[in-house]
Amino acid sequence: MTIFMTTYSNLFGQESQIDSTILRVESETIDDMLYTATIRTDYTLCLTDSIGKIVFKIENSYPNIEFIDFDNDGNKDLMISYISNVPGIQDFVKYDSKGKSFKLIENFPKYPDSKPIKGTKYFYSYHRSGCADMNWDSDLFYIEDFKTIKIGNISGRECNNEGIDDGIYIYKIRVDNKDLIETLPIDTINKFQDYKWGFIADYWTKKYNEFK
């Protein structure tokens, strides 16, 4: 790839160069190693260590990148936020402390707006399912061997349900099996200060153990 450089003079009259192919750079020290994530104008993401070795690379990425400890394991991970009409879709590039490397979590974009349940290995997501967000879903899942595993689902339905009554339908999921275990009135969400988001957080935090 050709790198175009822009030359400018600093305060001391010395010429410096800027790489005009770089859209964004973020750095973080993890396990005493400085890692730098660079997004270029061709939307290639390269993650390098302090000696310049590429430890992770992905094409067709997005420029919205951030180092955060997403899964609360004490190490910063790299999160890549999509530019999409569906809020909260991300790629999760997890830091592997055993291998001193970074690995992309499989199928993580299927779980938009994911949040960890504090003190557990579980996460829950939220996404719109139609009818101007009157239909919606939240999935309970965990990550094992760098893959997402879904074990529960909450489906809120109050619009064009095709024969299904308005309500909140809660399912336990095992591979291809989806078993309805609880149904609640749709107005249950009105009891929470944060509406359906408050209900979702409260339900998964209190009942995730029932889906193990």
N, C-alpha and C. Protein backbone atom coordinates (compact mmCIF):
# COMPACT_ATOMS: atom_id res chain seq x y z
N MET A 1 0.85 -1.20 0.00
CA MET A 1 0.00 0.00 0.00
C MET A 1 0.88 1.24 0.00
N THR A 2 0.54 2.19 -0.81
CA THR A 2 1.27 3.46 -0.86
C THR A 2 0.85 4.35 0.30
N ILE A 3 1.81 4.88 1.00
CA ILE A 3 1.54 5.76 2.13
C ILE A 3 1.87 7.19 1.73
N PHE A 4 0.87 8.04 1.78
CA PHE A 4 1.07 9.44 1.43
C PHE A 4 1.42 10.22 2.69
N MET A 5 2.46 11.03 2.59
CA MET A 5 2.94 11.78 3.73
C MET A 5 2.74 13.27 3.51
N THR A 6 2.28 13.94 4.54
CA THR A 6 2.15 15.39 4.51
C THR A 6 3.25 15.99 5.36
N THR A 7 3.97 16.95 4.81
CA THR A 7 5.08 17.57 5.54
C THR A 7 4.64 18.89 6.15
N TYR A 8 5.07 19.13 7.41
CA TYR A 8 4.79 20.41 8.04
C TYR A 8 5.97 20.78 8.92
N SER A 9 6.03 22.02 9.33
CA SER A 9 7.12 22.49 10.19
C SER A 9 6.62 22.61 11.61
N ASN A 10 7.43 22.11 12.55
CA ASN A 10 7.05 22.24 13.95
C ASN A 10 7.55 23.58 14.52
N LEU A 11 7.44 23.76 15.82
CA LEU A 11 7.77 25.04 16.44
C LEU A 11 9.24 25.40 16.28
N PHE A 12 10.07 24.39 16.05
CA PHE A 12 11.50 24.65 15.95
C PHE A 12 11.96 24.75 14.51
N GLY A 13 11.01 24.80 13.58
CA GLY A 13 11.36 24.93 12.18
C GLY A 13 11.78 23.63 11.53
N GLN A 14 11.70 22.52 12.29
CA GLN A 14 12.07 21.22 11.75
C GLN A 14 10.88 20.62 11.02
N GLU A 15 11.17 19.93 9.91
CA GLU A 15 10.09 19.33 9.14
C GLU A 15 9.70 17.97 9.72
N SER A 16 8.40 17.73 9.83
CA SER A 16 7.88 16.45 10.29
C SER A 16 6.86 15.97 9.27
N GLN A 17 6.53 14.71 9.33
CA GLN A 17 5.61 14.14 8.37
C GLN A 17 4.43 13.47 9.07
N ILE A 18 3.26 13.59 8.43
CA ILE A 18 2.05 12.95 8.92
C ILE A 18 1.59 11.93 7.89
N ASP A 19 1.27 10.74 8.34
CA ASP A 19 0.77 9.69 7.46
C ASP A 19 -0.71 9.95 7.20
N SER A 20 -1.04 10.40 5.99
CA SER A 20 -2.41 10.78 5.67
C SER A 20 -3.33 9.59 5.42
N THR A 21 -2.80 8.37 5.46
CA THR A 21 -3.64 7.18 5.29
C THR A 21 -4.21 6.68 6.61
N ILE A 22 -3.83 7.31 7.70
CA ILE A 22 -4.30 6.88 9.02
C ILE A 22 -5.56 7.65 9.40
N LEU A 23 -6.62 6.92 9.72
CA LEU A 23 -7.86 7.53 10.19
C LEU A 23 -7.88 7.69 11.71
N ARG A 24 -7.36 6.68 12.40
CA ARG A 24 -7.43 6.74 13.87
C ARG A 24 -6.37 5.82 14.47
N VAL A 25 -5.84 6.23 15.60
CA VAL A 25 -4.87 5.43 16.34
C VAL A 25 -5.26 5.44 17.82
N GLU A 26 -5.27 4.26 18.44
CA GLU A 26 -5.52 4.13 19.87
C GLU A 26 -4.46 3.21 20.45
N SER A 27 -3.94 3.55 21.64
CA SER A 27 -2.91 2.73 22.28
C SER A 27 -3.29 2.42 23.72
N GLU A 28 -2.79 1.28 24.19
CA GLU A 28 -3.06 0.86 25.58
C GLU A 28 -1.96 -0.09 26.03
N THR A 29 -1.54 0.05 27.28
CA THR A 29 -0.56 -0.87 27.87
C THR A 29 -1.31 -2.01 28.55
N ILE A 30 -1.01 -3.24 28.13
CA ILE A 30 -1.64 -4.43 28.68
C ILE A 30 -0.54 -5.44 29.01
N ASP A 31 -0.54 -5.95 30.23
CA ASP A 31 0.51 -6.90 30.66
C ASP A 31 1.90 -6.34 30.36
N ASP A 32 2.10 -5.07 30.65
CA ASP A 32 3.39 -4.40 30.49
C ASP A 32 3.85 -4.29 29.03
N MET A 33 2.93 -4.47 28.11
CA MET A 33 3.25 -4.31 26.69
C MET A 33 2.35 -3.23 26.10
N LEU A 34 2.94 -2.31 25.34
CA LEU A 34 2.17 -1.26 24.69
C LEU A 34 1.63 -1.79 23.36
N TYR A 35 0.30 -1.75 23.21
CA TYR A 35 -0.35 -2.17 21.97
C TYR A 35 -0.97 -0.95 21.29
N THR A 36 -0.83 -0.90 19.98
CA THR A 36 -1.36 0.22 19.20
C THR A 36 -2.28 -0.30 18.10
N ALA A 37 -3.52 0.20 18.09
CA ALA A 37 -4.49 -0.14 17.05
C ALA A 37 -4.56 1.01 16.05
N THR A 38 -4.37 0.71 14.78
CA THR A 38 -4.36 1.72 13.73
C THR A 38 -5.39 1.37 12.66
N ILE A 39 -6.28 2.32 12.36
CA ILE A 39 -7.23 2.19 11.27
C ILE A 39 -6.79 3.10 10.13
N ARG A 40 -6.66 2.53 8.94
CA ARG A 40 -6.25 3.31 7.78
C ARG A 40 -7.44 3.60 6.87
N THR A 41 -7.20 4.42 5.86
CA THR A 41 -8.28 4.87 4.98
C THR A 41 -8.87 3.74 4.15
N ASP A 42 -8.19 2.60 4.04
CA ASP A 42 -8.78 1.44 3.36
C ASP A 42 -9.55 0.57 4.36
N TYR A 43 -9.71 1.08 5.59
CA TYR A 43 -10.46 0.42 6.67
C TYR A 43 -9.84 -0.91 7.09
N THR A 44 -8.51 -1.00 6.97
CA THR A 44 -7.78 -2.12 7.53
C THR A 44 -7.35 -1.77 8.94
N LEU A 45 -7.63 -2.66 9.88
CA LEU A 45 -7.21 -2.47 11.26
C LEU A 45 -5.99 -3.34 11.53
N CYS A 46 -4.93 -2.72 12.02
CA CYS A 46 -3.73 -3.45 12.45
C CYS A 46 -3.47 -3.16 13.92
N LEU A 47 -3.25 -4.21 14.66
CA LEU A 47 -2.91 -4.08 16.08
C LEU A 47 -1.48 -4.56 16.24
N THR A 48 -0.60 -3.67 16.70
CA THR A 48 0.81 -3.99 16.82
C THR A 48 1.27 -3.86 18.26
N ASP A 49 2.33 -4.61 18.59
CA ASP A 49 2.91 -4.48 19.93
C ASP A 49 4.00 -3.41 19.91
N SER A 50 4.70 -3.25 21.02
CA SER A 50 5.65 -2.14 21.18
C SER A 50 6.89 -2.28 20.30
N ILE A 51 7.12 -3.48 19.75
CA ILE A 51 8.27 -3.63 18.85
C ILE A 51 7.83 -3.61 17.38
N GLY A 52 6.54 -3.34 17.15
CA GLY A 52 6.04 -3.20 15.79
C GLY A 52 5.50 -4.48 15.17
N LYS A 53 5.46 -5.56 15.93
CA LYS A 53 4.94 -6.83 15.41
C LYS A 53 3.42 -6.76 15.33
N ILE A 54 2.86 -7.21 14.19
CA ILE A 54 1.40 -7.25 14.03
C ILE A 54 0.85 -8.45 14.78
N VAL A 55 -0.01 -8.20 15.77
CA VAL A 55 -0.58 -9.28 16.57
C VAL A 55 -2.04 -9.56 16.21
N PHE A 56 -2.64 -8.65 15.46
CA PHE A 56 -4.02 -8.86 14.99
C PHE A 56 -4.26 -7.94 13.81
N LYS A 57 -4.98 -8.47 12.81
CA LYS A 57 -5.28 -7.66 11.63
C LYS A 57 -6.64 -8.07 11.08
N ILE A 58 -7.42 -7.10 10.65
CA ILE A 58 -8.72 -7.37 10.05
C ILE A 58 -9.01 -6.32 8.99
N GLU A 59 -9.57 -6.75 7.88
CA GLU A 59 -9.94 -5.83 6.81
C GLU A 59 -11.42 -5.45 6.93
N ASN A 60 -11.80 -4.39 6.23
CA ASN A 60 -13.20 -3.92 6.24
C ASN A 60 -13.69 -3.66 7.65
N SER A 61 -12.87 -3.01 8.43
CA SER A 61 -13.22 -2.68 9.80
C SER A 61 -13.91 -1.31 9.85
N TYR A 62 -14.13 -0.81 11.05
CA TYR A 62 -14.73 0.50 11.26
C TYR A 62 -13.77 1.35 12.09
N PRO A 63 -13.83 2.68 11.93
CA PRO A 63 -12.87 3.54 12.62
C PRO A 63 -13.17 3.79 14.10
N ASN A 64 -14.35 3.36 14.56
CA ASN A 64 -14.71 3.60 15.96
C ASN A 64 -14.14 2.48 16.83
N ILE A 65 -12.95 2.71 17.37
CA ILE A 65 -12.26 1.70 18.16
C ILE A 65 -11.96 2.23 19.56
N GLU A 66 -11.93 1.31 20.52
CA GLU A 66 -11.68 1.71 21.90
C GLU A 66 -11.14 0.53 22.70
N PHE A 67 -10.11 0.80 23.51
CA PHE A 67 -9.61 -0.20 24.45
C PHE A 67 -10.40 -0.08 25.76
N ILE A 68 -11.13 -1.13 26.13
CA ILE A 68 -11.84 -1.16 27.41
C ILE A 68 -11.81 -2.58 27.96
N ASP A 69 -11.96 -2.71 29.26
CA ASP A 69 -12.08 -4.04 29.87
C ASP A 69 -13.54 -4.46 29.79
N PHE A 70 -13.95 -4.94 28.64
CA PHE A 70 -15.37 -5.22 28.40
C PHE A 70 -15.90 -6.34 29.28
N ASP A 71 -15.13 -7.40 29.44
CA ASP A 71 -15.63 -8.57 30.18
C ASP A 71 -15.19 -8.59 31.64
N ASN A 72 -14.63 -7.48 32.11
CA ASN A 72 -14.27 -7.33 33.53
C ASN A 72 -13.30 -8.41 34.03
N ASP A 73 -12.32 -8.78 33.18
CA ASP A 73 -11.34 -9.77 33.61
C ASP A 73 -10.03 -9.12 34.03
N GLY A 74 -10.00 -7.81 34.06
CA GLY A 74 -8.80 -7.10 34.49
C GLY A 74 -7.88 -6.68 33.37
N ASN A 75 -8.18 -7.10 32.14
CA ASN A 75 -7.38 -6.73 30.99
C ASN A 75 -8.21 -5.95 29.98
N LYS A 76 -7.58 -4.96 29.34
CA LYS A 76 -8.28 -4.19 28.32
C LYS A 76 -8.42 -5.03 27.04
N ASP A 77 -9.56 -4.90 26.40
CA ASP A 77 -9.84 -5.53 25.12
C ASP A 77 -10.07 -4.43 24.09
N LEU A 78 -10.11 -4.80 22.82
CA LEU A 78 -10.36 -3.83 21.76
C LEU A 78 -11.78 -4.02 21.25
N MET A 79 -12.60 -2.97 21.35
CA MET A 79 -13.97 -3.00 20.86
C MET A 79 -14.06 -2.14 19.60
N ILE A 80 -14.72 -2.69 18.57
CA ILE A 80 -14.91 -2.00 17.30
C ILE A 80 -16.39 -1.78 17.08
N SER A 81 -16.83 -0.54 17.04
CA SER A 81 -18.25 -0.22 16.91
C SER A 81 -18.61 -0.02 15.45
N TYR A 82 -19.68 -0.71 15.02
CA TYR A 82 -20.13 -0.61 13.64
C TYR A 82 -20.84 0.73 13.39
N ILE A 83 -20.81 1.17 12.14
CA ILE A 83 -21.65 2.28 11.69
C ILE A 83 -22.87 1.64 11.04
N SER A 84 -24.01 1.69 11.73
CA SER A 84 -25.18 0.91 11.31
C SER A 84 -26.44 1.58 11.83
N ASN A 85 -27.58 1.24 11.19
CA ASN A 85 -28.86 1.73 11.70
C ASN A 85 -29.37 0.89 12.85
N VAL A 86 -28.63 -0.15 13.21
CA VAL A 86 -28.92 -0.94 14.41
C VAL A 86 -27.91 -0.54 15.47
N PRO A 87 -28.34 0.11 16.55
CA PRO A 87 -27.40 0.62 17.55
C PRO A 87 -26.66 -0.50 18.28
N GLY A 88 -25.40 -0.23 18.59
CA GLY A 88 -24.67 -1.09 19.51
C GLY A 88 -24.04 -2.33 18.92
N ILE A 89 -23.96 -2.46 17.59
CA ILE A 89 -23.30 -3.63 17.01
C ILE A 89 -21.79 -3.42 17.09
N GLN A 90 -21.09 -4.44 17.61
CA GLN A 90 -19.65 -4.32 17.80
C GLN A 90 -18.94 -5.63 17.46
N ASP A 91 -17.65 -5.50 17.16
CA ASP A 91 -16.74 -6.64 17.18
C ASP A 91 -15.96 -6.57 18.49
N PHE A 92 -15.78 -7.73 19.10
CA PHE A 92 -15.08 -7.85 20.37
C PHE A 92 -13.76 -8.59 20.10
N VAL A 93 -12.66 -7.85 20.18
CA VAL A 93 -11.33 -8.43 20.00
C VAL A 93 -10.74 -8.61 21.40
N LYS A 94 -10.82 -9.82 21.91
CA LYS A 94 -10.46 -10.09 23.30
C LYS A 94 -8.97 -10.33 23.46
N TYR A 95 -8.42 -9.76 24.52
CA TYR A 95 -7.03 -10.03 24.86
C TYR A 95 -6.94 -11.38 25.56
N ASP A 96 -6.11 -12.27 25.04
CA ASP A 96 -5.88 -13.59 25.61
C ASP A 96 -4.61 -13.53 26.46
N SER A 97 -4.78 -13.51 27.77
CA SER A 97 -3.63 -13.35 28.66
C SER A 97 -2.72 -14.57 28.63
N LYS A 98 -3.25 -15.74 28.31
CA LYS A 98 -2.42 -16.94 28.26
C LYS A 98 -1.50 -16.92 27.04
N GLY A 99 -2.05 -16.58 25.89
CA GLY A 99 -1.26 -16.56 24.67
C GLY A 99 -0.64 -15.22 24.36
N LYS A 100 -0.92 -14.22 25.22
CA LYS A 100 -0.43 -12.85 24.99
C LYS A 100 -0.79 -12.40 23.57
N SER A 101 -2.06 -12.60 23.22
CA SER A 101 -2.50 -12.28 21.87
C SER A 101 -3.93 -11.75 21.91
N PHE A 102 -4.44 -11.36 20.74
CA PHE A 102 -5.81 -10.87 20.63
C PHE A 102 -6.58 -11.78 19.68
N LYS A 103 -7.84 -12.08 20.04
CA LYS A 103 -8.65 -12.97 19.22
C LYS A 103 -10.06 -12.39 19.07
N LEU A 104 -10.57 -12.51 17.85
CA LEU A 104 -11.92 -12.02 17.54
C LEU A 104 -12.96 -13.01 18.07
N ILE A 105 -13.92 -12.50 18.85
CA ILE A 105 -14.97 -13.35 19.38
C ILE A 105 -15.98 -13.67 18.28
N GLU A 106 -16.22 -14.95 18.06
CA GLU A 106 -17.08 -15.40 16.97
C GLU A 106 -18.54 -15.02 17.22
N ASN A 107 -19.16 -14.42 16.19
CA ASN A 107 -20.60 -14.09 16.19
C ASN A 107 -20.99 -13.00 17.20
N PHE A 108 -20.03 -12.27 17.74
CA PHE A 108 -20.38 -11.24 18.72
C PHE A 108 -21.30 -10.16 18.14
N PRO A 109 -21.19 -9.79 16.85
CA PRO A 109 -22.11 -8.78 16.31
C PRO A 109 -23.59 -9.18 16.34
N LYS A 110 -23.87 -10.47 16.56
CA LYS A 110 -25.26 -10.90 16.66
C LYS A 110 -25.91 -10.46 17.97
N TYR A 111 -25.11 -9.89 18.86
CA TYR A 111 -25.61 -9.49 20.18
C TYR A 111 -25.38 -7.99 20.40
N PRO A 112 -26.20 -7.16 19.76
CA PRO A 112 -26.00 -5.70 19.86
C PRO A 112 -26.18 -5.18 21.29
N ASP A 113 -25.50 -4.08 21.55
CA ASP A 113 -25.63 -3.37 22.83
C ASP A 113 -25.42 -4.30 24.01
N SER A 114 -24.42 -5.18 23.90
CA SER A 114 -24.18 -6.18 24.95
C SER A 114 -23.62 -5.54 26.22
N LYS A 115 -24.04 -6.12 27.34
CA LYS A 115 -23.57 -5.67 28.65
C LYS A 115 -23.24 -6.88 29.50
N PRO A 116 -22.15 -6.82 30.28
CA PRO A 116 -21.82 -7.93 31.18
C PRO A 116 -22.69 -7.90 32.43
N ILE A 117 -22.99 -9.06 32.96
CA ILE A 117 -23.65 -9.17 34.27
C ILE A 117 -22.53 -9.24 35.30
N LYS A 118 -22.42 -8.24 36.11
CA LYS A 118 -21.29 -8.08 37.03
C LYS A 118 -21.11 -9.30 37.92
N GLY A 119 -19.86 -9.74 38.00
CA GLY A 119 -19.52 -10.87 38.86
C GLY A 119 -19.80 -12.23 38.25
N THR A 120 -20.17 -12.26 36.97
CA THR A 120 -20.47 -13.53 36.30
C THR A 120 -19.76 -13.57 34.95
N LYS A 121 -19.90 -14.69 34.27
CA LYS A 121 -19.34 -14.82 32.92
C LYS A 121 -20.40 -14.52 31.85
N TYR A 122 -21.56 -14.04 32.28
CA TYR A 122 -22.69 -13.89 31.36
C TYR A 122 -22.86 -12.45 30.89
N PHE A 123 -23.49 -12.33 29.70
CA PHE A 123 -23.78 -11.05 29.07
C PHE A 123 -25.22 -11.08 28.57
N TYR A 124 -25.79 -9.89 28.36
CA TYR A 124 -27.10 -9.82 27.71
C TYR A 124 -27.09 -8.69 26.69
N SER A 125 -27.90 -8.87 25.65
CA SER A 125 -27.93 -7.92 24.54
C SER A 125 -29.32 -7.31 24.41
N TYR A 126 -29.44 -6.40 23.45
CA TYR A 126 -30.74 -5.82 23.13
C TYR A 126 -30.76 -5.42 21.66
N HIS A 127 -31.87 -5.77 20.97
CA HIS A 127 -32.04 -5.25 19.62
C HIS A 127 -33.51 -5.09 19.28
N ARG A 128 -33.78 -4.15 18.40
CA ARG A 128 -35.14 -3.92 17.92
C ARG A 128 -35.56 -5.05 17.00
N SER A 129 -36.85 -5.38 17.04
CA SER A 129 -37.36 -6.48 16.21
C SER A 129 -38.57 -6.05 15.39
N GLY A 130 -38.70 -4.75 15.15
CA GLY A 130 -39.76 -4.26 14.28
C GLY A 130 -40.78 -3.39 14.97
N CYS A 131 -41.69 -2.84 14.15
CA CYS A 131 -42.79 -2.02 14.65
C CYS A 131 -42.29 -0.84 15.48
N ALA A 132 -41.31 -0.13 14.93
CA ALA A 132 -40.76 1.06 15.60
C ALA A 132 -40.33 0.76 17.03
N ASP A 133 -39.69 -0.39 17.21
CA ASP A 133 -39.12 -0.81 18.49
C ASP A 133 -40.18 -1.25 19.50
N MET A 134 -41.42 -1.47 19.06
CA MET A 134 -42.42 -2.03 19.96
C MET A 134 -42.25 -3.54 20.10
N ASN A 135 -41.58 -4.14 19.13
CA ASN A 135 -41.14 -5.52 19.25
C ASN A 135 -39.63 -5.51 19.44
N TRP A 136 -39.15 -6.29 20.38
CA TRP A 136 -37.73 -6.24 20.73
C TRP A 136 -37.29 -7.57 21.33
N ASP A 137 -35.98 -7.77 21.36
CA ASP A 137 -35.41 -9.01 21.90
C ASP A 137 -34.15 -8.73 22.72
N SER A 138 -33.94 -9.58 23.69
CA SER A 138 -32.70 -9.55 24.47
C SER A 138 -32.23 -11.00 24.64
N ASP A 139 -30.95 -11.22 24.36
CA ASP A 139 -30.39 -12.57 24.48
C ASP A 139 -29.41 -12.65 25.64
N LEU A 140 -29.44 -13.77 26.36
CA LEU A 140 -28.48 -14.08 27.41
C LEU A 140 -27.45 -15.03 26.81
N PHE A 141 -26.16 -14.73 27.01
CA PHE A 141 -25.13 -15.58 26.43
C PHE A 141 -23.85 -15.50 27.25
N TYR A 142 -22.94 -16.42 26.95
CA TYR A 142 -21.60 -16.36 27.52
C TYR A 142 -20.59 -16.67 26.43
N ILE A 143 -19.32 -16.51 26.75
CA ILE A 143 -18.25 -16.72 25.77
C ILE A 143 -17.35 -17.85 26.25
N GLU A 144 -17.14 -18.81 25.37
CA GLU A 144 -16.27 -19.95 25.68
C GLU A 144 -15.44 -20.29 24.45
N ASP A 145 -14.15 -20.46 24.65
CA ASP A 145 -13.23 -20.75 23.54
C ASP A 145 -13.39 -19.71 22.43
N PHE A 146 -13.60 -18.46 22.83
CA PHE A 146 -13.71 -17.32 21.92
C PHE A 146 -14.92 -17.42 20.99
N LYS A 147 -15.96 -18.12 21.47
CA LYS A 147 -17.22 -18.22 20.74
C LYS A 147 -18.38 -17.83 21.65
N THR A 148 -19.41 -17.22 21.07
CA THR A 148 -20.60 -16.87 21.84
C THR A 148 -21.54 -18.07 21.91
N ILE A 149 -22.14 -18.26 23.08
CA ILE A 149 -23.09 -19.36 23.28
C ILE A 149 -24.36 -18.77 23.90
N LYS A 150 -25.45 -18.82 23.15
CA LYS A 150 -26.72 -18.25 23.62
C LYS A 150 -27.47 -19.27 24.44
N ILE A 151 -27.99 -18.84 25.61
CA ILE A 151 -28.71 -19.75 26.49
C ILE A 151 -30.09 -19.23 26.88
N GLY A 152 -30.41 -17.99 26.55
CA GLY A 152 -31.72 -17.46 26.91
C GLY A 152 -32.15 -16.32 26.01
N ASN A 153 -33.46 -16.08 25.98
CA ASN A 153 -34.01 -15.00 25.15
C ASN A 153 -35.24 -14.43 25.80
N ILE A 154 -35.34 -13.10 25.78
CA ILE A 154 -36.56 -12.39 26.17
C ILE A 154 -37.09 -11.69 24.92
N SER A 155 -38.34 -11.98 24.56
CA SER A 155 -38.97 -11.35 23.40
C SER A 155 -40.16 -10.52 23.85
N GLY A 156 -40.07 -9.22 23.63
CA GLY A 156 -41.19 -8.33 23.92
C GLY A 156 -42.01 -8.12 22.66
N ARG A 157 -43.31 -8.37 22.73
CA ARG A 157 -44.18 -8.26 21.55
C ARG A 157 -45.43 -7.46 21.88
N GLU A 158 -45.62 -6.36 21.11
CA GLU A 158 -46.84 -5.56 21.30
C GLU A 158 -47.29 -4.89 20.01
N CYS A 159 -46.97 -5.54 18.86
CA CYS A 159 -47.34 -4.93 17.58
C CYS A 159 -47.26 -5.96 16.46
N ASN A 160 -48.36 -6.14 15.70
CA ASN A 160 -48.38 -7.04 14.54
C ASN A 160 -47.74 -8.39 14.85
N ASN A 161 -48.30 -9.09 15.83
CA ASN A 161 -47.66 -10.30 16.35
C ASN A 161 -48.00 -11.58 15.61
N GLU A 162 -48.80 -11.48 14.55
CA GLU A 162 -49.15 -12.64 13.74
C GLU A 162 -49.72 -13.77 14.60
N GLY A 163 -50.77 -13.44 15.35
CA GLY A 163 -51.46 -14.45 16.15
C GLY A 163 -50.95 -14.64 17.55
N ILE A 164 -49.84 -13.97 17.88
CA ILE A 164 -49.30 -14.07 19.25
C ILE A 164 -49.81 -12.89 20.06
N ASP A 165 -50.29 -13.15 21.26
CA ASP A 165 -50.80 -12.08 22.13
C ASP A 165 -49.66 -11.15 22.54
N ASP A 166 -50.00 -9.89 22.79
CA ASP A 166 -49.01 -8.98 23.36
C ASP A 166 -48.47 -9.57 24.65
N GLY A 167 -47.18 -9.46 24.85
CA GLY A 167 -46.60 -10.01 26.07
C GLY A 167 -45.10 -10.07 26.00
N ILE A 168 -44.52 -10.57 27.07
CA ILE A 168 -43.09 -10.81 27.17
C ILE A 168 -42.89 -12.31 27.25
N TYR A 169 -42.19 -12.87 26.28
CA TYR A 169 -42.00 -14.31 26.18
C TYR A 169 -40.53 -14.63 26.48
N ILE A 170 -40.32 -15.53 27.44
CA ILE A 170 -38.97 -15.82 27.90
C ILE A 170 -38.64 -17.28 27.61
N TYR A 171 -37.52 -17.49 26.94
CA TYR A 171 -37.15 -18.81 26.46
C TYR A 171 -35.80 -19.26 27.01
N LYS A 172 -35.69 -20.55 27.28
CA LYS A 172 -34.40 -21.18 27.56
C LYS A 172 -33.94 -21.82 26.26
N ILE A 173 -32.67 -21.60 25.92
CA ILE A 173 -32.15 -22.07 24.64
C ILE A 173 -30.99 -23.03 24.85
N ARG A 174 -31.08 -24.18 24.16
CA ARG A 174 -30.00 -25.16 24.16
C ARG A 174 -29.76 -25.60 22.73
N VAL A 175 -28.71 -25.11 22.13
CA VAL A 175 -28.36 -25.39 20.74
C VAL A 175 -29.54 -25.02 19.85
N ASP A 176 -30.26 -26.01 19.32
CA ASP A 176 -31.38 -25.73 18.43
C ASP A 176 -32.74 -25.80 19.13
N ASN A 177 -32.74 -26.04 20.43
CA ASN A 177 -34.00 -26.13 21.18
C ASN A 177 -34.32 -24.80 21.85
N LYS A 178 -35.56 -24.36 21.71
CA LYS A 178 -36.02 -23.11 22.29
C LYS A 178 -37.31 -23.39 23.06
N ASP A 179 -37.21 -23.40 24.38
CA ASP A 179 -38.35 -23.77 25.24
C ASP A 179 -38.89 -22.55 25.96
N LEU A 180 -40.18 -22.29 25.79
CA LEU A 180 -40.84 -21.19 26.51
C LEU A 180 -40.99 -21.57 27.98
N ILE A 181 -40.42 -20.74 28.87
CA ILE A 181 -40.47 -21.06 30.29
C ILE A 181 -41.28 -20.06 31.11
N GLU A 182 -41.58 -18.89 30.52
CA GLU A 182 -42.32 -17.88 31.28
C GLU A 182 -42.94 -16.87 30.32
N THR A 183 -44.14 -16.43 30.66
CA THR A 183 -44.81 -15.37 29.91
C THR A 183 -45.28 -14.30 30.89
N LEU A 184 -45.02 -13.04 30.56
CA LEU A 184 -45.40 -11.93 31.43
C LEU A 184 -46.21 -10.92 30.62
N PRO A 185 -47.09 -10.16 31.28
CA PRO A 185 -47.82 -9.10 30.56
C PRO A 185 -46.84 -8.05 30.04
N ILE A 186 -47.14 -7.48 28.89
CA ILE A 186 -46.24 -6.49 28.31
C ILE A 186 -46.11 -5.25 29.18
N ASP A 187 -47.16 -4.95 29.96
CA ASP A 187 -47.07 -3.75 30.79
C ASP A 187 -46.17 -3.94 32.01
N THR A 188 -45.57 -5.13 32.16
CA THR A 188 -44.59 -5.34 33.22
C THR A 188 -43.44 -4.34 33.12
N ILE A 189 -43.10 -3.96 31.89
CA ILE A 189 -41.98 -3.04 31.69
C ILE A 189 -42.27 -1.65 32.24
N ASN A 190 -43.56 -1.31 32.41
CA ASN A 190 -43.93 0.01 32.91
C ASN A 190 -43.59 0.21 34.38
N LYS A 191 -43.28 -0.88 35.07
CA LYS A 191 -42.96 -0.80 36.50
C LYS A 191 -41.52 -0.38 36.75
N PHE A 192 -40.74 -0.29 35.69
CA PHE A 192 -39.32 0.01 35.85
C PHE A 192 -39.00 1.41 35.37
N GLN A 193 -38.12 2.09 36.11
CA GLN A 193 -37.77 3.47 35.80
C GLN A 193 -37.19 3.58 34.38
N ASP A 194 -36.39 2.59 33.99
CA ASP A 194 -35.80 2.61 32.65
C ASP A 194 -36.61 1.79 31.66
N TYR A 195 -37.90 1.59 31.98
CA TYR A 195 -38.82 0.95 31.03
C TYR A 195 -38.31 -0.45 30.68
N LYS A 196 -38.33 -0.85 29.43
CA LYS A 196 -37.96 -2.23 29.07
C LYS A 196 -36.48 -2.51 29.34
N TRP A 197 -35.62 -1.49 29.21
CA TRP A 197 -34.21 -1.70 29.48
C TRP A 197 -33.98 -1.98 30.97
N GLY A 198 -34.75 -1.34 31.82
CA GLY A 198 -34.67 -1.63 33.25
C GLY A 198 -35.16 -3.03 33.56
N PHE A 199 -36.25 -3.43 32.92
CA PHE A 199 -36.77 -4.79 33.11
C PHE A 199 -35.76 -5.83 32.67
N ILE A 200 -35.18 -5.63 31.49
CA ILE A 200 -34.22 -6.60 30.96
C ILE A 200 -33.02 -6.75 31.90
N ALA A 201 -32.46 -5.63 32.34
CA ALA A 201 -31.31 -5.69 33.25
C ALA A 201 -31.67 -6.38 34.55
N ASP A 202 -32.84 -6.06 35.09
CA ASP A 202 -33.27 -6.66 36.36
C ASP A 202 -33.51 -8.16 36.21
N TYR A 203 -34.17 -8.55 35.12
CA TYR A 203 -34.51 -9.96 34.93
C TYR A 203 -33.26 -10.82 34.78
N TRP A 204 -32.36 -10.42 33.89
CA TRP A 204 -31.17 -11.24 33.67
C TRP A 204 -30.26 -11.26 34.89
N THR A 205 -30.14 -10.13 35.58
CA THR A 205 -29.27 -10.08 36.75
C THR A 205 -29.77 -11.00 37.86
N LYS A 206 -31.08 -11.08 38.00
CA LYS A 206 -31.66 -11.91 39.07
C LYS A 206 -31.81 -13.37 38.68
N LYS A 207 -32.00 -13.66 37.39
CA LYS A 207 -32.40 -15.01 37.00
C LYS A 207 -31.44 -15.72 36.03
N TYR A 208 -30.28 -15.15 35.77
CA TYR A 208 -29.37 -15.80 34.82
C TYR A 208 -29.03 -17.23 35.24
N ASN A 209 -29.01 -17.48 36.57
CA ASN A 209 -28.66 -18.81 37.08
C ASN A 209 -29.64 -19.88 36.60
N GLU A 210 -30.87 -19.49 36.32
CA GLU A 210 -31.88 -20.45 35.90
C GLU A 210 -31.69 -20.92 34.46
N PHE A 211 -30.75 -20.31 33.76
CA PHE A 211 -30.52 -20.64 32.35
C PHE A 211 -29.21 -21.39 32.12
N LYS A 212 -28.52 -21.70 33.19
CA LYS A 212 -27.23 -22.39 33.07
C LYS A 212 -27.43 -23.81 32.49
